[in-house]
PDB file of N, CA and C in Angstrom:
ATOM      1  N   MET A   1      18.310 -17.463 -12.164  1.00  0.00           N
ATOM      2  CA  MET A   1      17.377 -17.137 -11.116  1.00  0.00           C
ATOM      3  C   MET A   1      15.993 -17.618 -11.546  1.00  0.00           C
ATOM      4  N   ALA A   2      15.329 -18.349 -10.678  1.00  0.00           N
ATOM      5  CA  ALA A   2      13.982 -18.832 -10.961  1.00  0.00           C
ATOM      6  C   ALA A   2      12.975 -17.716 -10.754  1.00  0.00           C
ATOM      7  N   LEU A   3      11.990 -17.657 -11.613  1.00  0.00           N
ATOM      8  CA  LEU A   3      10.928 -16.673 -11.479  1.00  0.00           C
ATOM      9  C   LEU A   3       9.859 -17.185 -10.525  1.00  0.00           C
ATOM     10  N   SER A   4       9.178 -16.278  -9.880  1.00  0.00           N
ATOM     11  CA  SER A   4       8.131 -16.618  -8.927  1.00  0.00           C
ATOM     12  C   SER A   4       6.833 -15.929  -9.341  1.00  0.00           C
ATOM     13  N   SER A   5       5.730 -16.455  -8.882  1.00  0.00           N
ATOM     14  CA  SER A   5       4.451 -15.808  -9.164  1.00  0.00           C
ATOM     15  C   SER A   5       4.031 -14.896  -8.015  1.00  0.00           C
ATOM     16  N   GLU A   6       4.957 -14.650  -7.089  1.00  0.00           N
ATOM     17  CA  GLU A   6       4.674 -13.730  -5.987  1.00  0.00           C
ATOM     18  C   GLU A   6       5.062 -12.319  -6.374  1.00  0.00           C
ATOM     19  N   CYS A   7       4.297 -11.352  -5.888  1.00  0.00           N
ATOM     20  CA  CYS A   7       4.630  -9.956  -6.165  1.00  0.00           C
ATOM     21  C   CYS A   7       4.635  -9.162  -4.867  1.00  0.00           C
ATOM     22  N   VAL A   8       5.355  -8.058  -4.891  1.00  0.00           N
ATOM     23  CA  VAL A   8       5.502  -7.170  -3.747  1.00  0.00           C
ATOM     24  C   VAL A   8       5.167  -5.759  -4.204  1.00  0.00           C
ATOM     25  N   VAL A   9       4.457  -5.012  -3.369  1.00  0.00           N
ATOM     26  CA  VAL A   9       4.138  -3.617  -3.668  1.00  0.00           C
ATOM     27  C   VAL A   9       4.854  -2.750  -2.642  1.00  0.00           C
ATOM     28  N   LEU A  10       5.598  -1.789  -3.118  1.00  0.00           N
ATOM     29  CA  LEU A  10       6.290  -0.833  -2.252  1.00  0.00           C
ATOM     30  C   LEU A  10       5.603   0.518  -2.404  1.00  0.00           C
ATOM     31  N   VAL A  11       5.139   1.081  -1.288  1.00  0.00           N
ATOM     32  CA  VAL A  11       4.419   2.350  -1.305  1.00  0.00           C
ATOM     33  C   VAL A  11       5.279   3.417  -0.637  1.00  0.00           C
ATOM     34  N   ASP A  12       5.636   4.447  -1.385  1.00  0.00           N
ATOM     35  CA  ASP A  12       6.369   5.596  -0.845  1.00  0.00           C
ATOM     36  C   ASP A  12       5.323   6.516  -0.217  1.00  0.00           C
ATOM     37  N   TRP A  13       5.062   6.290   1.071  1.00  0.00           N
ATOM     38  CA  TRP A  13       3.964   6.965   1.751  1.00  0.00           C
ATOM     39  C   TRP A  13       4.135   8.479   1.764  1.00  0.00           C
ATOM     40  N   LEU A  14       5.323   8.974   1.968  1.00  0.00           N
ATOM     41  CA  LEU A  14       5.543  10.418   2.039  1.00  0.00           C
ATOM     42  C   LEU A  14       5.154  11.093   0.731  1.00  0.00           C
ATOM     43  N   ASN A  15       5.692  10.602  -0.379  1.00  0.00           N
ATOM     44  CA  ASN A  15       5.366  11.222  -1.662  1.00  0.00           C
ATOM     45  C   ASN A  15       3.903  11.032  -2.042  1.00  0.00           C
ATOM     46  N   LEU A  16       3.350   9.872  -1.721  1.00  0.00           N
ATOM     47  CA  LEU A  16       1.934   9.638  -2.004  1.00  0.00           C
ATOM     48  C   LEU A  16       1.058  10.607  -1.216  1.00  0.00           C
ATOM     49  N   SER A  17       1.340  10.771   0.071  1.00  0.00           N
ATOM     50  CA  SER A  17       0.511  11.660   0.891  1.00  0.00           C
ATOM     51  C   SER A  17       0.637  13.116   0.446  1.00  0.00           C
ATOM     52  N   ILE A  18       1.824  13.535   0.036  1.00  0.00           N
ATOM     53  CA  ILE A  18       2.014  14.903  -0.466  1.00  0.00           C
ATOM     54  C   ILE A  18       1.195  15.115  -1.731  1.00  0.00           C
ATOM     55  N   LYS A  19       1.258  14.153  -2.648  1.00  0.00           N
ATOM     56  CA  LYS A  19       0.517  14.275  -3.911  1.00  0.00           C
ATOM     57  C   LYS A  19      -0.992  14.282  -3.666  1.00  0.00           C
ATOM     58  N   LEU A  20      -1.466  13.391  -2.819  1.00  0.00           N
ATOM     59  CA  LEU A  20      -2.903  13.353  -2.533  1.00  0.00           C
ATOM     60  C   LEU A  20      -3.366  14.636  -1.854  1.00  0.00           C
ATOM     61  N   LYS A  21      -2.580  15.111  -0.892  1.00  0.00           N
ATOM     62  CA  LYS A  21      -2.945  16.341  -0.183  1.00  0.00           C
ATOM     63  C   LYS A  21      -2.995  17.517  -1.152  1.00  0.00           C
ATOM     64  N   SER A  22      -2.054  17.595  -2.090  1.00  0.00           N
ATOM     65  CA  SER A  22      -2.032  18.706  -3.047  1.00  0.00           C
ATOM     66  C   SER A  22      -3.261  18.696  -3.941  1.00  0.00           C
ATOM     67  N   ARG A  23      -3.891  17.520  -4.073  1.00  0.00           N
ATOM     68  CA  ARG A  23      -5.114  17.402  -4.882  1.00  0.00           C
ATOM     69  C   ARG A  23      -6.372  17.455  -4.030  1.00  0.00           C
ATOM     70  N   GLY A  24      -6.191  17.751  -2.728  1.00  0.00           N
ATOM     71  CA  GLY A  24      -7.331  17.848  -1.834  1.00  0.00           C
ATOM     72  C   GLY A  24      -7.974  16.507  -1.529  1.00  0.00           C
ATOM     73  N   ARG A  25      -7.203  15.431  -1.627  1.00  0.00           N
ATOM     74  CA  ARG A  25      -7.735  14.080  -1.421  1.00  0.00           C
ATOM     75  C   ARG A  25      -7.315  13.550  -0.055  1.00  0.00           C
ATOM     76  N   GLU A  26      -8.048  12.585   0.426  1.00  0.00           N
ATOM     77  CA  GLU A  26      -7.770  11.912   1.694  1.00  0.00           C
ATOM     78  C   GLU A  26      -6.439  11.167   1.610  1.00  0.00           C
ATOM     79  N   PHE A  27      -5.616  11.245   2.644  1.00  0.00           N
ATOM     80  CA  PHE A  27      -4.358  10.491   2.639  1.00  0.00           C
ATOM     81  C   PHE A  27      -4.117   9.824   3.982  1.00  0.00           C
ATOM     82  N   GLY A  28      -5.203   9.478   4.655  1.00  0.00           N
ATOM     83  CA  GLY A  28      -5.085   8.831   5.956  1.00  0.00           C
ATOM     84  C   GLY A  28      -5.285   7.332   5.878  1.00  0.00           C
ATOM     85  N   PRO A  29      -5.792   6.747   6.960  1.00  0.00           N
ATOM     86  CA  PRO A  29      -5.937   5.296   7.046  1.00  0.00           C
ATOM     87  C   PRO A  29      -6.767   4.662   5.932  1.00  0.00           C
ATOM     88  N   SER A  30      -7.756   5.354   5.422  1.00  0.00           N
ATOM     89  CA  SER A  30      -8.615   4.743   4.403  1.00  0.00           C
ATOM     90  C   SER A  30      -7.847   4.402   3.128  1.00  0.00           C
ATOM     91  N   ILE A  31      -6.819   5.151   2.818  1.00  0.00           N
ATOM     92  CA  ILE A  31      -6.051   4.883   1.593  1.00  0.00           C
ATOM     93  C   ILE A  31      -5.245   3.588   1.721  1.00  0.00           C
ATOM     94  N   VAL A  32      -4.871   3.208   2.942  1.00  0.00           N
ATOM     95  CA  VAL A  32      -4.120   1.967   3.151  1.00  0.00           C
ATOM     96  C   VAL A  32      -4.949   0.781   2.670  1.00  0.00           C
ATOM     97  N   ARG A  33      -6.194   0.706   3.088  1.00  0.00           N
ATOM     98  CA  ARG A  33      -7.066  -0.397   2.682  1.00  0.00           C
ATOM     99  C   ARG A  33      -7.282  -0.366   1.169  1.00  0.00           C
ATOM    100  N   THR A  34      -7.460   0.816   0.588  1.00  0.00           N
ATOM    101  CA  THR A  34      -7.666   0.928  -0.859  1.00  0.00           C
ATOM    102  C   THR A  34      -6.451   0.416  -1.619  1.00  0.00           C
ATOM    103  N   ILE A  35      -5.255   0.789  -1.176  1.00  0.00           N
ATOM    104  CA  ILE A  35      -4.019   0.331  -1.828  1.00  0.00           C
ATOM    105  C   ILE A  35      -3.900  -1.180  -1.745  1.00  0.00           C
ATOM    106  N   MET A  36      -4.152  -1.733  -0.570  1.00  0.00           N
ATOM    107  CA  MET A  36      -4.017  -3.172  -0.391  1.00  0.00           C
ATOM    108  C   MET A  36      -5.050  -3.938  -1.212  1.00  0.00           C
ATOM    109  N   ASP A  37      -6.295  -3.459  -1.230  1.00  0.00           N
ATOM    110  CA  ASP A  37      -7.339  -4.119  -2.022  1.00  0.00           C
ATOM    111  C   ASP A  37      -7.015  -4.071  -3.516  1.00  0.00           C
ATOM    112  N   THR A  38      -6.529  -2.935  -3.979  1.00  0.00           N
ATOM    113  CA  THR A  38      -6.177  -2.786  -5.397  1.00  0.00           C
ATOM    114  C   THR A  38      -5.013  -3.698  -5.761  1.00  0.00           C
ATOM    115  N   ALA A  39      -3.996  -3.740  -4.922  1.00  0.00           N
ATOM    116  CA  ALA A  39      -2.830  -4.591  -5.192  1.00  0.00           C
ATOM    117  C   ALA A  39      -3.236  -6.064  -5.233  1.00  0.00           C
ATOM    118  N   LYS A  40      -4.072  -6.496  -4.302  1.00  0.00           N
ATOM    119  CA  LYS A  40      -4.523  -7.894  -4.288  1.00  0.00           C
ATOM    120  C   LYS A  40      -5.344  -8.205  -5.532  1.00  0.00           C
ATOM    121  N   ARG A  41      -6.253  -7.319  -5.889  1.00  0.00           N
ATOM    122  CA  ARG A  41      -7.099  -7.533  -7.071  1.00  0.00           C
ATOM    123  C   ARG A  41      -6.252  -7.643  -8.340  1.00  0.00           C
ATOM    124  N   GLU A  42      -5.275  -6.754  -8.484  1.00  0.00           N
ATOM    125  CA  GLU A  42      -4.412  -6.774  -9.668  1.00  0.00           C
ATOM    126  C   GLU A  42      -3.534  -8.023  -9.695  1.00  0.00           C
ATOM    127  N   ALA A  43      -3.022  -8.429  -8.542  1.00  0.00           N
ATOM    128  CA  ALA A  43      -2.208  -9.646  -8.483  1.00  0.00           C
ATOM    129  C   ALA A  43      -3.056 -10.858  -8.866  1.00  0.00           C
ATOM    130  N   ASP A  44      -4.243 -10.955  -8.293  1.00  0.00           N
ATOM    131  CA  ASP A  44      -5.136 -12.078  -8.600  1.00  0.00           C
ATOM    132  C   ASP A  44      -5.487 -12.107 -10.087  1.00  0.00           C
ATOM    133  N   ALA A  45      -5.781 -10.939 -10.651  1.00  0.00           N
ATOM    134  CA  ALA A  45      -6.183 -10.854 -12.057  1.00  0.00           C
ATOM    135  C   ALA A  45      -5.071 -11.308 -13.001  1.00  0.00           C
ATOM    136  N   SER A  46      -3.816 -11.155 -12.560  1.00  0.00           N
ATOM    137  CA  SER A  46      -2.691 -11.545 -13.413  1.00  0.00           C
ATOM    138  C   SER A  46      -2.146 -12.934 -13.066  1.00  0.00           C
ATOM    139  N   GLY A  47      -2.856 -13.636 -12.175  1.00  0.00           N
ATOM    140  CA  GLY A  47      -2.429 -14.991 -11.813  1.00  0.00           C
ATOM    141  C   GLY A  47      -1.271 -15.026 -10.840  1.00  0.00           C
ATOM    142  N   ASN A  48      -1.053 -13.931 -10.116  1.00  0.00           N
ATOM    143  CA  ASN A  48       0.045 -13.856  -9.155  1.00  0.00           C
ATOM    144  C   ASN A  48      -0.498 -13.854  -7.732  1.00  0.00           C
ATOM    145  N   THR A  49       0.405 -14.016  -6.786  1.00  0.00           N
ATOM    146  CA  THR A  49       0.062 -13.957  -5.369  1.00  0.00           C
ATOM    147  C   THR A  49       0.709 -12.716  -4.777  1.00  0.00           C
ATOM    148  N   LEU A  50      -0.077 -11.931  -4.070  1.00  0.00           N
ATOM    149  CA  LEU A  50       0.474 -10.750  -3.402  1.00  0.00           C
ATOM    150  C   LEU A  50       1.193 -11.219  -2.145  1.00  0.00           C
ATOM    151  N   ALA A  51       2.513 -11.152  -2.163  1.00  0.00           N
ATOM    152  CA  ALA A  51       3.332 -11.648  -1.057  1.00  0.00           C
ATOM    153  C   ALA A  51       3.480 -10.604   0.045  1.00  0.00           C
ATOM    154  N   ARG A  52       3.492  -9.329  -0.342  1.00  0.00           N
ATOM    155  CA  ARG A  52       3.738  -8.287   0.662  1.00  0.00           C
ATOM    156  C   ARG A  52       3.401  -6.923   0.095  1.00  0.00           C
ATOM    157  N   VAL A  53       2.889  -6.063   0.975  1.00  0.00           N
ATOM    158  CA  VAL A  53       2.745  -4.642   0.672  1.00  0.00           C
ATOM    159  C   VAL A  53       3.560  -3.929   1.739  1.00  0.00           C
ATOM    160  N   HIS A  54       4.504  -3.111   1.328  1.00  0.00           N
ATOM    161  CA  HIS A  54       5.398  -2.450   2.262  1.00  0.00           C
ATOM    162  C   HIS A  54       5.249  -0.939   2.121  1.00  0.00           C
ATOM    163  N   PHE A  55       4.917  -0.277   3.226  1.00  0.00           N
ATOM    164  CA  PHE A  55       4.771   1.177   3.247  1.00  0.00           C
ATOM    165  C   PHE A  55       6.043   1.780   3.837  1.00  0.00           C
ATOM    166  N   VAL A  56       6.637   2.743   3.137  1.00  0.00           N
ATOM    167  CA  VAL A  56       7.886   3.349   3.556  1.00  0.00           C
ATOM    168  C   VAL A  56       7.651   4.823   3.885  1.00  0.00           C
ATOM    169  N   ALA A  57       8.058   5.231   5.072  1.00  0.00           N
ATOM    170  CA  ALA A  57       7.995   6.637   5.483  1.00  0.00           C
ATOM    171  C   ALA A  57       8.791   6.797   6.766  1.00  0.00           C
ATOM    172  N   GLU A  58       9.217   8.012   7.028  1.00  0.00           N
ATOM    173  CA  GLU A  58       9.904   8.263   8.291  1.00  0.00           C
ATOM    174  C   GLU A  58       8.927   8.181   9.446  1.00  0.00           C
ATOM    175  N   ASN A  59       7.759   8.760   9.270  1.00  0.00           N
ATOM    176  CA  ASN A  59       6.724   8.770  10.306  1.00  0.00           C
ATOM    177  C   ASN A  59       5.358   8.583   9.664  1.00  0.00           C
ATOM    178  N   PHE A  60       4.505   7.829  10.324  1.00  0.00           N
ATOM    179  CA  PHE A  60       3.116   7.699   9.936  1.00  0.00           C
ATOM    180  C   PHE A  60       2.275   8.341  11.035  1.00  0.00           C
ATOM    181  N   GLY A  61       1.116   8.855  10.669  1.00  0.00           N
ATOM    182  CA  GLY A  61       0.173   9.275  11.690  1.00  0.00           C
ATOM    183  C   GLY A  61      -0.272   8.042  12.460  1.00  0.00           C
ATOM    184  N   GLN A  62      -0.759   8.229  13.696  1.00  0.00           N
ATOM    185  CA  GLN A  62      -1.144   7.083  14.524  1.00  0.00           C
ATOM    186  C   GLN A  62      -2.224   6.242  13.858  1.00  0.00           C
ATOM    187  N   GLY A  63      -3.202   6.866  13.233  1.00  0.00           N
ATOM    188  CA  GLY A  63      -4.271   6.125  12.575  1.00  0.00           C
ATOM    189  C   GLY A  63      -3.753   5.296  11.418  1.00  0.00           C
ATOM    190  N   VAL A  64      -2.857   5.869  10.632  1.00  0.00           N
ATOM    191  CA  VAL A  64      -2.284   5.155   9.495  1.00  0.00           C
ATOM    192  C   VAL A  64      -1.444   3.983   9.995  1.00  0.00           C
ATOM    193  N   GLU A  65      -0.609   4.208  10.982  1.00  0.00           N
ATOM    194  CA  GLU A  65       0.245   3.142  11.511  1.00  0.00           C
ATOM    195  C   GLU A  65      -0.608   1.991  12.050  1.00  0.00           C
ATOM    196  N   ARG A  66      -1.700   2.307  12.756  1.00  0.00           N
ATOM    197  CA  ARG A  66      -2.575   1.281  13.311  1.00  0.00           C
ATOM    198  C   ARG A  66      -3.193   0.427  12.186  1.00  0.00           C
ATOM    199  N   ILE A  67      -3.684   1.085  11.133  1.00  0.00           N
ATOM    200  CA  ILE A  67      -4.313   0.366  10.026  1.00  0.00           C
ATOM    201  C   ILE A  67      -3.288  -0.516   9.309  1.00  0.00           C
ATOM    202  N   ILE A  68      -2.082  -0.009   9.095  1.00  0.00           N
ATOM    203  CA  ILE A  68      -1.036  -0.808   8.435  1.00  0.00           C
ATOM    204  C   ILE A  68      -0.741  -2.047   9.273  1.00  0.00           C
ATOM    205  N   LYS A  69      -0.552  -1.886  10.573  1.00  0.00           N
ATOM    206  CA  LYS A  69      -0.230  -3.012  11.435  1.00  0.00           C
ATOM    207  C   LYS A  69      -1.360  -4.033  11.483  1.00  0.00           C
ATOM    208  N   GLN A  70      -2.609  -3.566  11.446  1.00  0.00           N
ATOM    209  CA  GLN A  70      -3.751  -4.478  11.510  1.00  0.00           C
ATOM    210  C   GLN A  70      -3.913  -5.258  10.212  1.00  0.00           C
ATOM    211  N   ASN A  71      -3.460  -4.724   9.115  1.00  0.00           N
ATOM    212  CA  ASN A  71      -3.743  -5.319   7.817  1.00  0.00           C
ATOM    213  C   ASN A  71      -2.558  -5.981   7.132  1.00  0.00           C
ATOM    214  N   LEU A  72      -1.372  -5.874   7.667  1.00  0.00           N
ATOM    215  CA  LEU A  72      -0.209  -6.498   7.031  1.00  0.00           C
ATOM    216  C   LEU A  72       0.265  -7.687   7.849  1.00  0.00           C
TER     217      LEU A  72
END
């Protein structure tokens, strides 16, 4: 199998939102942009290309779903 310089980030939105909420932190649309910016920065810093960020959950709030669709 050939190696690629592309990377993918998988975000377990349900568990992330539960953990953030338990710490009294924001877990809405603003975190989507933060995750994507961090993933891109880390990929660039390591000489890789961010191919995809995938958020997994049964349901997203409307604001979160809108931000994900606008940015992916």
